[in-house]
Amino acid sequence: MSVWFVTGASRGLGAEITREALDRGHSVIATARDASAVLRAHPHAPDRLLAVDADVTEPEQLTAAVEAGLAKFGGLDIVVNNAGYGLVGAIEETSDEAARALFDVNVFGVLNTLRATLPTLRAQRSGHVLNIGSVGGFATAPAVGLYGASKFALEGISEALHGELAPLGVRVTIVEPGGFRTDFLSKQSIQVEPASIADYDAGAGPVREAMAANDGRQQGDPAKAAKAVVDITEVPDPPLRLQLGADAIERIEAKLDLVRRELDQWRHVALSTKTAEAV
């Protein structure tokens, strides 16, 4: 059995992943800003659950959580970077404060967690890092550009990390969910910047309205998503990317088609920039 480290484990997909891992007999170091919320989410959890207070923006708390988990379980195998939240607002409407706060959690929080956990995985030459991204980190949309940018950053981190850790026997997968019926779109999970510029009503307005209307109506089942995430840690050759949901597949295929179409259309311009010596 493996030892898991899950951030943002008190609700949403993090809670479901924690539950699925426990149900399969694994041990879980489950972190949240309030560890009591983890225990409330898992009231009948076995002694294989260690709930720890850890805000991903506080590196020393993450280090302490890892040390507590190593002391209790004697090892660490799977790291799930799940903590994060959404932000709605057109790019120009989004305040610098809101953008920086988002990146502090969604990007720098991941980096803090990696710095706390990777020394153990590197030393043992094994393990698996699962970065919970989003389909919005591959194909974003109006009104969620800053959230998408934070998940685009996670894509870049994960691609590089994959190459850096593969020679050490540590695997990396970025999970790209579409819409799942968690509380992600609820007021306690998503921050909404005021629609302060009327010119963006046409571009960003429909997305704002759709996200508000879709809360609790998403197609995806979070328990099934958690099962897929835990399943991917049990295969011998896990993918770099794992898409979850029919809507994720549809958006990613549309983005790939667009990139290919534009690449072919403007290939002559790209190739025209060669130096004379290279011609």
C-alpha atoms as a PDB file:
ATOM      1  CA  MET A   1       0.000   0.000   0.000  1.00  0.00           C
ATOM      2  CA  SER A   2       1.090   3.574  -0.716  1.00  0.00           C
ATOM      3  CA  VAL A   3       1.270   6.744   1.346  1.00  0.00           C
ATOM      4  CA  TRP A   4      -0.501   9.705  -0.235  1.00  0.00           C
ATOM      5  CA  PHE A   5      -0.050  13.440   0.383  1.00  0.00           C
ATOM      6  CA  VAL A   6      -3.133  15.426  -0.691  1.00  0.00           C
ATOM      7  CA  THR A   7      -3.539  19.197  -0.477  1.00  0.00           C
ATOM      8  CA  GLY A   8      -6.989  20.749  -0.290  1.00  0.00           C
ATOM      9  CA  ALA A   9      -8.368  17.485   1.079  1.00  0.00           C
ATOM     10  CA  SER A  10     -11.336  18.832   3.009  1.00  0.00           C
ATOM     11  CA  ARG A  11     -13.795  19.162   0.125  1.00  0.00           C
ATOM     12  CA  GLY A  12     -14.326  18.804  -3.601  1.00  0.00           C
ATOM     13  CA  LEU A  13     -12.082  16.564  -5.650  1.00  0.00           C
ATOM     14  CA  GLY A  14      -9.433  16.517  -2.923  1.00  0.00           C
ATOM     15  CA  ALA A  15     -11.876  14.978  -0.463  1.00  0.00           C
ATOM     16  CA  GLU A  16     -13.004  12.426  -3.042  1.00  0.00           C
ATOM     17  CA  ILE A  17      -9.421  11.421  -3.881  1.00  0.00           C
ATOM     18  CA  THR A  18      -8.657  11.057  -0.182  1.00  0.00           C
ATOM     19  CA  ARG A  19     -11.744   8.880   0.291  1.00  0.00           C
ATOM     20  CA  GLU A  20     -10.936   6.670  -2.700  1.00  0.00           C
ATOM     21  CA  ALA A  21      -7.326   6.179  -1.603  1.00  0.00           C
ATOM     22  CA  LEU A  22      -8.419   5.249   1.923  1.00  0.00           C
ATOM     23  CA  ASP A  23     -11.054   2.852   0.597  1.00  0.00           C
ATOM     24  CA  ARG A  24      -8.316   1.022  -1.320  1.00  0.00           C
ATOM     25  CA  GLY A  25      -6.239   0.585   1.800  1.00  0.00           C
ATOM     26  CA  HIS A  26      -3.740   3.375   1.288  1.00  0.00           C
ATOM     27  CA  SER A  27      -2.609   5.841   3.960  1.00  0.00           C
ATOM     28  CA  VAL A  28      -3.229   9.548   3.401  1.00  0.00           C
ATOM     29  CA  ILE A  29      -1.602  12.682   4.764  1.00  0.00           C
ATOM     30  CA  ALA A  30      -4.536  15.006   4.117  1.00  0.00           C
ATOM     31  CA  THR A  31      -3.881  18.724   4.387  1.00  0.00           C
ATOM     32  CA  ALA A  32      -6.149  21.744   4.519  1.00  0.00           C
ATOM     33  CA  ARG A  33      -6.033  25.168   6.067  1.00  0.00           C
ATOM     34  CA  ASP A  34      -8.280  23.699   8.783  1.00  0.00           C
ATOM     35  CA  ALA A  35      -7.542  20.044   9.522  1.00  0.00           C
ATOM     36  CA  SER A  36     -10.806  19.693  11.438  1.00  0.00           C
ATOM     37  CA  ALA A  37     -12.622  20.198   8.116  1.00  0.00           C
ATOM     38  CA  VAL A  38     -10.794  17.138   6.775  1.00  0.00           C
ATOM     39  CA  LEU A  39     -11.998  15.089   9.731  1.00  0.00           C
ATOM     40  CA  ARG A  40     -15.556  16.314   9.202  1.00  0.00           C
ATOM     41  CA  ALA A  41     -15.336  15.250   5.555  1.00  0.00           C
ATOM     42  CA  HIS A  42     -14.108  11.802   6.600  1.00  0.00           C
ATOM     43  CA  PRO A  43     -15.836  11.104   9.942  1.00  0.00           C
ATOM     44  CA  HIS A  44     -15.359   7.342   9.742  1.00  0.00           C
ATOM     45  CA  ALA A  45     -11.826   7.348   8.371  1.00  0.00           C
ATOM     46  CA  PRO A  46      -9.415   4.746   9.687  1.00  0.00           C
ATOM     47  CA  ASP A  47      -6.161   5.439  11.496  1.00  0.00           C
ATOM     48  CA  ARG A  48      -4.546   5.519   8.053  1.00  0.00           C
ATOM     49  CA  LEU A  49      -5.744   9.136   7.705  1.00  0.00           C
ATOM     50  CA  LEU A  50      -3.543  11.890   9.125  1.00  0.00           C
ATOM     51  CA  ALA A  51      -5.249  15.290   8.909  1.00  0.00           C
ATOM     52  CA  VAL A  52      -2.801  18.184   9.131  1.00  0.00           C
ATOM     53  CA  ASP A  53      -3.210  21.967   9.137  1.00  0.00           C
ATOM     54  CA  ALA A  54      -1.277  23.250   6.131  1.00  0.00           C
ATOM     55  CA  ASP A  55      -1.869  26.322   3.993  1.00  0.00           C
ATOM     56  CA  VAL A  56      -0.052  25.828   0.686  1.00  0.00           C
ATOM     57  CA  THR A  57       1.088  29.453   0.790  1.00  0.00           C
ATOM     58  CA  GLU A  58       3.021  28.701   4.009  1.00  0.00           C
ATOM     59  CA  PRO A  59       6.074  26.538   3.172  1.00  0.00           C
ATOM     60  CA  GLU A  60       6.945  25.755   6.783  1.00  0.00           C
ATOM     61  CA  GLN A  61       3.476  24.304   7.368  1.00  0.00           C
ATOM     62  CA  LEU A  62       3.898  21.975   4.386  1.00  0.00           C
ATOM     63  CA  THR A  63       7.315  20.860   5.617  1.00  0.00           C
ATOM     64  CA  ALA A  64       5.833  20.126   9.032  1.00  0.00           C
ATOM     65  CA  ALA A  65       2.988  18.157   7.414  1.00  0.00           C
ATOM     66  CA  VAL A  66       5.459  16.013   5.464  1.00  0.00           C
ATOM     67  CA  GLU A  67       7.538  15.394   8.579  1.00  0.00           C
ATOM     68  CA  ALA A  68       4.438  14.397  10.538  1.00  0.00           C
ATOM     69  CA  GLY A  69       3.392  12.011   7.779  1.00  0.00           C
ATOM     70  CA  LEU A  70       6.831  10.425   7.542  1.00  0.00           C
ATOM     71  CA  ALA A  71       6.891   9.972  11.299  1.00  0.00           C
ATOM     72  CA  LYS A  72       3.477   8.283  11.288  1.00  0.00           C
ATOM     73  CA  PHE A  73       3.600   6.218   8.097  1.00  0.00           C
ATOM     74  CA  GLY A  74       7.314   5.878   7.426  1.00  0.00           C
ATOM     75  CA  GLY A  75       7.218   6.966   3.809  1.00  0.00           C
ATOM     76  CA  LEU A  76       5.639   8.955   1.002  1.00  0.00           C
ATOM     77  CA  ASP A  77       4.673   7.720  -2.463  1.00  0.00           C
ATOM     78  CA  ILE A  78       1.969   9.832  -4.126  1.00  0.00           C
ATOM     79  CA  VAL A  79       1.726  13.629  -4.048  1.00  0.00           C
ATOM     80  CA  VAL A  80      -1.558  15.235  -5.145  1.00  0.00           C
ATOM     81  CA  ASN A  81      -1.419  18.990  -5.719  1.00  0.00           C
ATOM     82  CA  ASN A  82      -5.119  19.686  -5.523  1.00  0.00           C
ATOM     83  CA  ALA A  83      -5.489  22.900  -3.505  1.00  0.00           C
ATOM     84  CA  GLY A  84      -6.672  25.790  -5.625  1.00  0.00           C
ATOM     85  CA  TYR A  85      -9.637  27.953  -6.528  1.00  0.00           C
ATOM     86  CA  GLY A  86     -11.257  29.726  -9.455  1.00  0.00           C
ATOM     87  CA  LEU A  87     -11.434  33.379 -10.438  1.00  0.00           C
ATOM     88  CA  VAL A  88     -14.001  34.946 -12.766  1.00  0.00           C
ATOM     89  CA  GLY A  89     -13.422  38.273 -14.481  1.00  0.00           C
ATOM     90  CA  ALA A  90     -12.263  39.737 -17.757  1.00  0.00           C
ATOM     91  CA  ILE A  91      -8.504  40.286 -17.864  1.00  0.00           C
ATOM     92  CA  GLU A  92      -8.711  44.074 -17.610  1.00  0.00           C
ATOM     93  CA  GLU A  93     -11.374  43.872 -14.895  1.00  0.00           C
ATOM     94  CA  THR A  94      -9.273  41.655 -12.647  1.00  0.00           C
ATOM     95  CA  SER A  95      -7.373  43.494  -9.948  1.00  0.00           C
ATOM     96  CA  ASP A  96      -3.679  42.972  -9.391  1.00  0.00           C
ATOM     97  CA  GLU A  97      -4.461  41.881  -5.838  1.00  0.00           C
ATOM     98  CA  ALA A  98      -6.875  39.185  -7.006  1.00  0.00           C
ATOM     99  CA  ALA A  99      -4.487  37.919  -9.705  1.00  0.00           C
ATOM    100  CA  ARG A 100      -1.533  37.678  -7.325  1.00  0.00           C
ATOM    101  CA  ALA A 101      -3.584  35.952  -4.637  1.00  0.00           C
ATOM    102  CA  LEU A 102      -4.744  33.390  -7.202  1.00  0.00           C
ATOM    103  CA  PHE A 103      -1.204  32.639  -8.362  1.00  0.00           C
ATOM    104  CA  ASP A 104      -0.007  32.427  -4.756  1.00  0.00           C
ATOM    105  CA  VAL A 105      -2.298  29.424  -4.261  1.00  0.00           C
ATOM    106  CA  ASN A 106      -2.635  27.832  -7.704  1.00  0.00           C
ATOM    107  CA  VAL A 107       1.021  28.168  -8.782  1.00  0.00           C
ATOM    108  CA  PHE A 108       3.314  29.053  -5.904  1.00  0.00           C
ATOM    109  CA  GLY A 109       1.330  26.774  -3.601  1.00  0.00           C
ATOM    110  CA  VAL A 110       2.201  23.891  -5.908  1.00  0.00           C
ATOM    111  CA  LEU A 111       5.862  24.908  -5.929  1.00  0.00           C
ATOM    112  CA  ASN A 112       5.861  25.062  -2.129  1.00  0.00           C
ATOM    113  CA  THR A 113       4.344  21.582  -1.941  1.00  0.00           C
ATOM    114  CA  LEU A 114       6.845  20.188  -4.418  1.00  0.00           C
ATOM    115  CA  ARG A 115       9.772  21.607  -2.457  1.00  0.00           C
ATOM    116  CA  ALA A 116       8.417  19.946   0.683  1.00  0.00           C
ATOM    117  CA  THR A 117       7.730  16.529  -0.839  1.00  0.00           C
ATOM    118  CA  LEU A 118      10.203  15.947  -3.667  1.00  0.00           C
ATOM    119  CA  PRO A 119      13.279  15.395  -1.468  1.00  0.00           C
ATOM    120  CA  THR A 120      11.628  12.214  -0.158  1.00  0.00           C
ATOM    121  CA  LEU A 121      10.601  10.975  -3.615  1.00  0.00           C
ATOM    122  CA  ARG A 122      14.026  11.725  -5.075  1.00  0.00           C
ATOM    123  CA  ALA A 123      15.831   9.971  -2.240  1.00  0.00           C
ATOM    124  CA  GLN A 124      13.840   6.777  -2.710  1.00  0.00           C
ATOM    125  CA  ARG A 125      13.941   7.006  -6.526  1.00  0.00           C
ATOM    126  CA  SER A 126      10.211   6.355  -6.813  1.00  0.00           C
ATOM    127  CA  GLY A 127       6.848   8.063  -6.517  1.00  0.00           C
ATOM    128  CA  HIS A 128       4.183   9.834  -8.520  1.00  0.00           C
ATOM    129  CA  VAL A 129       3.240  13.519  -8.600  1.00  0.00           C
ATOM    130  CA  LEU A 130      -0.328  14.298  -9.638  1.00  0.00           C
ATOM    131  CA  ASN A 131      -0.966  17.967 -10.409  1.00  0.00           C
ATOM    132  CA  ILE A 132      -4.671  18.740 -10.579  1.00  0.00           C
ATOM    133  CA  GLY A 133      -4.984  21.181 -13.426  1.00  0.00           C
ATOM    134  CA  SER A 134      -8.005  21.947 -15.571  1.00  0.00           C
ATOM    135  CA  VAL A 135      -9.195  21.760 -19.139  1.00  0.00           C
ATOM    136  CA  GLY A 136      -8.986  25.555 -18.751  1.00  0.00           C
ATOM    137  CA  GLY A 137      -5.226  25.158 -18.487  1.00  0.00           C
ATOM    138  CA  PHE A 138      -5.148  23.795 -22.029  1.00  0.00           C
ATOM    139  CA  ALA A 139      -7.970  25.768 -23.640  1.00  0.00           C
ATOM    140  CA  THR A 140      -9.157  28.784 -21.699  1.00  0.00           C
ATOM    141  CA  ALA A 141     -12.088  31.136 -22.331  1.00  0.00           C
ATOM    142  CA  PRO A 142     -13.209  34.731 -21.805  1.00  0.00           C
ATOM    143  CA  ALA A 143     -13.910  35.687 -18.173  1.00  0.00           C
ATOM    144  CA  VAL A 144     -11.652  32.949 -16.787  1.00  0.00           C
ATOM    145  CA  GLY A 145      -8.365  34.011 -18.341  1.00  0.00           C
ATOM    146  CA  LEU A 146      -6.444  34.534 -15.101  1.00  0.00           C
ATOM    147  CA  TYR A 147      -7.616  31.193 -13.722  1.00  0.00           C
ATOM    148  CA  GLY A 148      -6.660  29.608 -17.028  1.00  0.00           C
ATOM    149  CA  ALA A 149      -3.279  31.323 -16.877  1.00  0.00           C
ATOM    150  CA  SER A 150      -2.608  29.801 -13.450  1.00  0.00           C
ATOM    151  CA  LYS A 151      -3.412  26.367 -14.849  1.00  0.00           C
ATOM    152  CA  PHE A 152      -1.383  27.030 -18.009  1.00  0.00           C
ATOM    153  CA  ALA A 153       1.523  27.695 -15.643  1.00  0.00           C
ATOM    154  CA  LEU A 154       0.866  24.356 -13.983  1.00  0.00           C
ATOM    155  CA  GLU A 155       1.003  22.687 -17.394  1.00  0.00           C
ATOM    156  CA  GLY A 156       4.446  24.172 -18.028  1.00  0.00           C
ATOM    157  CA  ILE A 157       5.694  23.215 -14.579  1.00  0.00           C
ATOM    158  CA  SER A 158       4.417  19.674 -15.022  1.00  0.00           C
ATOM    159  CA  GLU A 159       5.978  19.202 -18.460  1.00  0.00           C
ATOM    160  CA  ALA A 160       9.384  20.310 -17.207  1.00  0.00           C
ATOM    161  CA  LEU A 161       9.048  18.363 -13.972  1.00  0.00           C
ATOM    162  CA  HIS A 162       8.223  15.245 -15.950  1.00  0.00           C
ATOM    163  CA  GLY A 163      11.549  15.446 -17.775  1.00  0.00           C
ATOM    164  CA  GLU A 164      13.483  16.301 -14.627  1.00  0.00           C
ATOM    165  CA  LEU A 165      12.086  13.496 -12.493  1.00  0.00           C
ATOM    166  CA  ALA A 166      11.782  10.668 -15.036  1.00  0.00           C
ATOM    167  CA  PRO A 167      15.495   9.723 -14.776  1.00  0.00           C
ATOM    168  CA  LEU A 168      15.004   9.453 -11.010  1.00  0.00           C
ATOM    169  CA  GLY A 169      12.094   7.024 -11.251  1.00  0.00           C
ATOM    170  CA  VAL A 170       9.462   9.587 -10.215  1.00  0.00           C
ATOM    171  CA  ARG A 171       6.420   9.968 -12.482  1.00  0.00           C
ATOM    172  CA  VAL A 172       4.369  13.104 -13.157  1.00  0.00           C
ATOM    173  CA  THR A 173       0.792  13.386 -14.392  1.00  0.00           C
ATOM    174  CA  ILE A 174      -1.268  16.516 -14.843  1.00  0.00           C
ATOM    175  CA  VAL A 175      -5.003  15.906 -14.517  1.00  0.00           C
ATOM    176  CA  GLU A 176      -7.229  18.063 -16.740  1.00  0.00           C
ATOM    177  CA  PRO A 177     -10.827  17.849 -15.507  1.00  0.00           C
ATOM    178  CA  GLY A 178     -13.774  19.432 -17.215  1.00  0.00           C
ATOM    179  CA  GLY A 179     -16.836  20.351 -15.174  1.00  0.00           C
ATOM    180  CA  PHE A 180     -17.456  18.153 -12.142  1.00  0.00           C
ATOM    181  CA  ARG A 181     -20.236  18.415  -9.610  1.00  0.00           C
ATOM    182  CA  THR A 182     -18.135  19.684  -6.720  1.00  0.00           C
ATOM    183  CA  ASP A 183     -18.494  23.034  -4.973  1.00  0.00           C
ATOM    184  CA  PHE A 184     -15.912  24.586  -7.309  1.00  0.00           C
ATOM    185  CA  LEU A 185     -18.455  27.054  -8.741  1.00  0.00           C
ATOM    186  CA  SER A 186     -20.005  27.877  -5.365  1.00  0.00           C
ATOM    187  CA  LYS A 187     -19.431  31.178  -3.588  1.00  0.00           C
ATOM    188  CA  GLN A 188     -17.124  29.539  -1.054  1.00  0.00           C
ATOM    189  CA  SER A 189     -14.788  28.264  -3.774  1.00  0.00           C
ATOM    190  CA  ILE A 190     -14.733  30.794  -6.599  1.00  0.00           C
ATOM    191  CA  GLN A 191     -13.942  34.491  -6.542  1.00  0.00           C
ATOM    192  CA  VAL A 192     -15.853  36.770  -8.881  1.00  0.00           C
ATOM    193  CA  GLU A 193     -14.481  40.149  -9.865  1.00  0.00           C
ATOM    194  CA  PRO A 194     -17.142  42.828 -10.534  1.00  0.00           C
ATOM    195  CA  ALA A 195     -18.222  43.249 -14.145  1.00  0.00           C
ATOM    196  CA  SER A 196     -16.981  46.833 -14.179  1.00  0.00           C
ATOM    197  CA  ILE A 197     -16.337  47.463 -17.896  1.00  0.00           C
ATOM    198  CA  ALA A 198     -19.414  47.393 -20.118  1.00  0.00           C
ATOM    199  CA  ASP A 199     -17.364  46.745 -23.261  1.00  0.00           C
ATOM    200  CA  TYR A 200     -16.725  43.194 -22.023  1.00  0.00           C
ATOM    201  CA  ASP A 201     -20.391  42.280 -21.590  1.00  0.00           C
ATOM    202  CA  ALA A 202     -20.457  40.583 -24.991  1.00  0.00           C
ATOM    203  CA  GLY A 203     -17.195  38.656 -24.639  1.00  0.00           C
ATOM    204  CA  ALA A 204     -17.049  37.753 -20.956  1.00  0.00           C
ATOM    205  CA  GLY A 205     -20.695  38.143 -19.970  1.00  0.00           C
ATOM    206  CA  PRO A 206     -22.024  34.855 -21.396  1.00  0.00           C
ATOM    207  CA  VAL A 207     -19.300  32.859 -19.633  1.00  0.00           C
ATOM    208  CA  ARG A 208     -20.024  34.614 -16.341  1.00  0.00           C
ATOM    209  CA  GLU A 209     -23.707  33.752 -16.683  1.00  0.00           C
ATOM    210  CA  ALA A 210     -23.063  30.154 -17.712  1.00  0.00           C
ATOM    211  CA  MET A 211     -20.759  29.496 -14.770  1.00  0.00           C
ATOM    212  CA  ALA A 212     -23.249  30.931 -12.296  1.00  0.00           C
ATOM    213  CA  ALA A 213     -26.062  28.866 -13.788  1.00  0.00           C
ATOM    214  CA  ASN A 214     -23.993  25.658 -13.911  1.00  0.00           C
ATOM    215  CA  ASP A 215     -23.189  25.416 -10.203  1.00  0.00           C
ATOM    216  CA  GLY A 216     -24.369  21.981  -9.085  1.00  0.00           C
ATOM    217  CA  ARG A 217     -25.317  20.978 -12.632  1.00  0.00           C
ATOM    218  CA  GLN A 218     -21.912  19.927 -13.968  1.00  0.00           C
ATOM    219  CA  GLN A 219     -21.801  16.709 -15.989  1.00  0.00           C
ATOM    220  CA  GLY A 220     -18.948  15.072 -14.127  1.00  0.00           C
ATOM    221  CA  ASP A 221     -19.230  12.774 -11.109  1.00  0.00           C
ATOM    222  CA  PRO A 222     -16.399  13.647  -8.670  1.00  0.00           C
ATOM    223  CA  ALA A 223     -16.357  10.147  -7.179  1.00  0.00           C
ATOM    224  CA  LYS A 224     -15.719   8.695 -10.640  1.00  0.00           C
ATOM    225  CA  ALA A 225     -13.024  11.309 -11.228  1.00  0.00           C
ATOM    226  CA  ALA A 226     -11.326  10.301  -7.987  1.00  0.00           C
ATOM    227  CA  LYS A 227     -11.439   6.655  -9.030  1.00  0.00           C
ATOM    228  CA  ALA A 228      -9.765   7.534 -12.337  1.00  0.00           C
ATOM    229  CA  VAL A 229      -7.070   9.523 -10.537  1.00  0.00           C
ATOM    230  CA  VAL A 230      -6.253   6.691  -8.151  1.00  0.00           C
ATOM    231  CA  ASP A 231      -6.400   4.179 -11.012  1.00  0.00           C
ATOM    232  CA  ILE A 232      -3.742   6.084 -12.952  1.00  0.00           C
ATOM    233  CA  THR A 233      -1.259   5.614 -10.114  1.00  0.00           C
ATOM    234  CA  GLU A 234      -1.576   1.844 -10.483  1.00  0.00           C
ATOM    235  CA  VAL A 235      -0.606   1.530 -14.149  1.00  0.00           C
ATOM    236  CA  PRO A 236       3.034   0.877 -15.102  1.00  0.00           C
ATOM    237  CA  ASP A 237       3.296   3.732 -17.614  1.00  0.00           C
ATOM    238  CA  PRO A 238       1.001   6.608 -16.605  1.00  0.00           C
ATOM    239  CA  PRO A 239       0.394   9.473 -19.061  1.00  0.00           C
ATOM    240  CA  LEU A 240       1.746  12.976 -18.713  1.00  0.00           C
ATOM    241  CA  ARG A 241      -1.811  14.258 -19.167  1.00  0.00           C
ATOM    242  CA  LEU A 242      -5.087  12.698 -18.090  1.00  0.00           C
ATOM    243  CA  GLN A 243      -8.281  14.343 -19.337  1.00  0.00           C
ATOM    244  CA  LEU A 244     -11.471  13.779 -17.350  1.00  0.00           C
ATOM    245  CA  GLY A 245     -14.933  14.355 -18.784  1.00  0.00           C
ATOM    246  CA  ALA A 246     -16.496  14.455 -22.237  1.00  0.00           C
ATOM    247  CA  ASP A 247     -16.462  18.253 -22.119  1.00  0.00           C
ATOM    248  CA  ALA A 248     -12.708  18.223 -21.500  1.00  0.00           C
ATOM    249  CA  ILE A 249     -12.145  16.002 -24.532  1.00  0.00           C
ATOM    250  CA  GLU A 250     -14.331  18.228 -26.706  1.00  0.00           C
ATOM    251  CA  ARG A 251     -12.537  21.446 -25.728  1.00  0.00           C
ATOM    252  CA  ILE A 252      -9.072  19.953 -26.062  1.00  0.00           C
ATOM    253  CA  GLU A 253      -9.825  18.445 -29.470  1.00  0.00           C
ATOM    254  CA  ALA A 254     -11.153  21.811 -30.664  1.00  0.00           C
ATOM    255  CA  LYS A 255      -7.967  23.552 -29.444  1.00  0.00           C
ATOM    256  CA  LEU A 256      -5.731  20.981 -31.138  1.00  0.00           C
ATOM    257  CA  ASP A 257      -7.680  21.387 -34.389  1.00  0.00           C
ATOM    258  CA  LEU A 258      -7.333  25.174 -34.212  1.00  0.00           C
ATOM    259  CA  VAL A 259      -3.592  25.038 -33.532  1.00  0.00           C
ATOM    260  CA  ARG A 260      -3.037  22.588 -36.400  1.00  0.00           C
ATOM    261  CA  ARG A 261      -5.182  24.632 -38.782  1.00  0.00           C
ATOM    262  CA  GLU A 262      -3.386  27.890 -37.997  1.00  0.00           C
ATOM    263  CA  LEU A 263       0.027  26.208 -38.048  1.00  0.00           C
ATOM    264  CA  ASP A 264      -0.646  24.924 -41.558  1.00  0.00           C
ATOM    265  CA  GLN A 265      -2.148  28.216 -42.724  1.00  0.00           C
ATOM    266  CA  TRP A 266       0.797  30.320 -41.559  1.00  0.00           C
ATOM    267  CA  ARG A 267       3.611  27.805 -41.952  1.00  0.00           C
ATOM    268  CA  HIS A 268       5.065  29.791 -44.860  1.00  0.00           C
ATOM    269  CA  VAL A 269       5.473  32.828 -42.625  1.00  0.00           C
ATOM    270  CA  ALA A 270       7.203  30.808 -39.926  1.00  0.00           C
ATOM    271  CA  LEU A 271       9.611  29.276 -42.445  1.00  0.00           C
ATOM    272  CA  SER A 272      10.308  32.619 -44.126  1.00  0.00           C
ATOM    273  CA  THR A 273      12.256  33.801 -41.086  1.00  0.00           C
ATOM    274  CA  LYS A 274      15.289  31.558 -41.658  1.00  0.00           C
ATOM    275  CA  THR A 275      18.654  33.220 -42.005  1.00  0.00           C
ATOM    276  CA  ALA A 276      20.244  33.350 -45.442  1.00  0.00           C
ATOM    277  CA  GLU A 277      22.862  30.830 -44.329  1.00  0.00           C
ATOM    278  CA  ALA A 278      20.142  28.340 -43.387  1.00  0.00           C
ATOM    279  CA  VAL A 279      18.337  28.553 -46.733  1.00  0.00           C
END
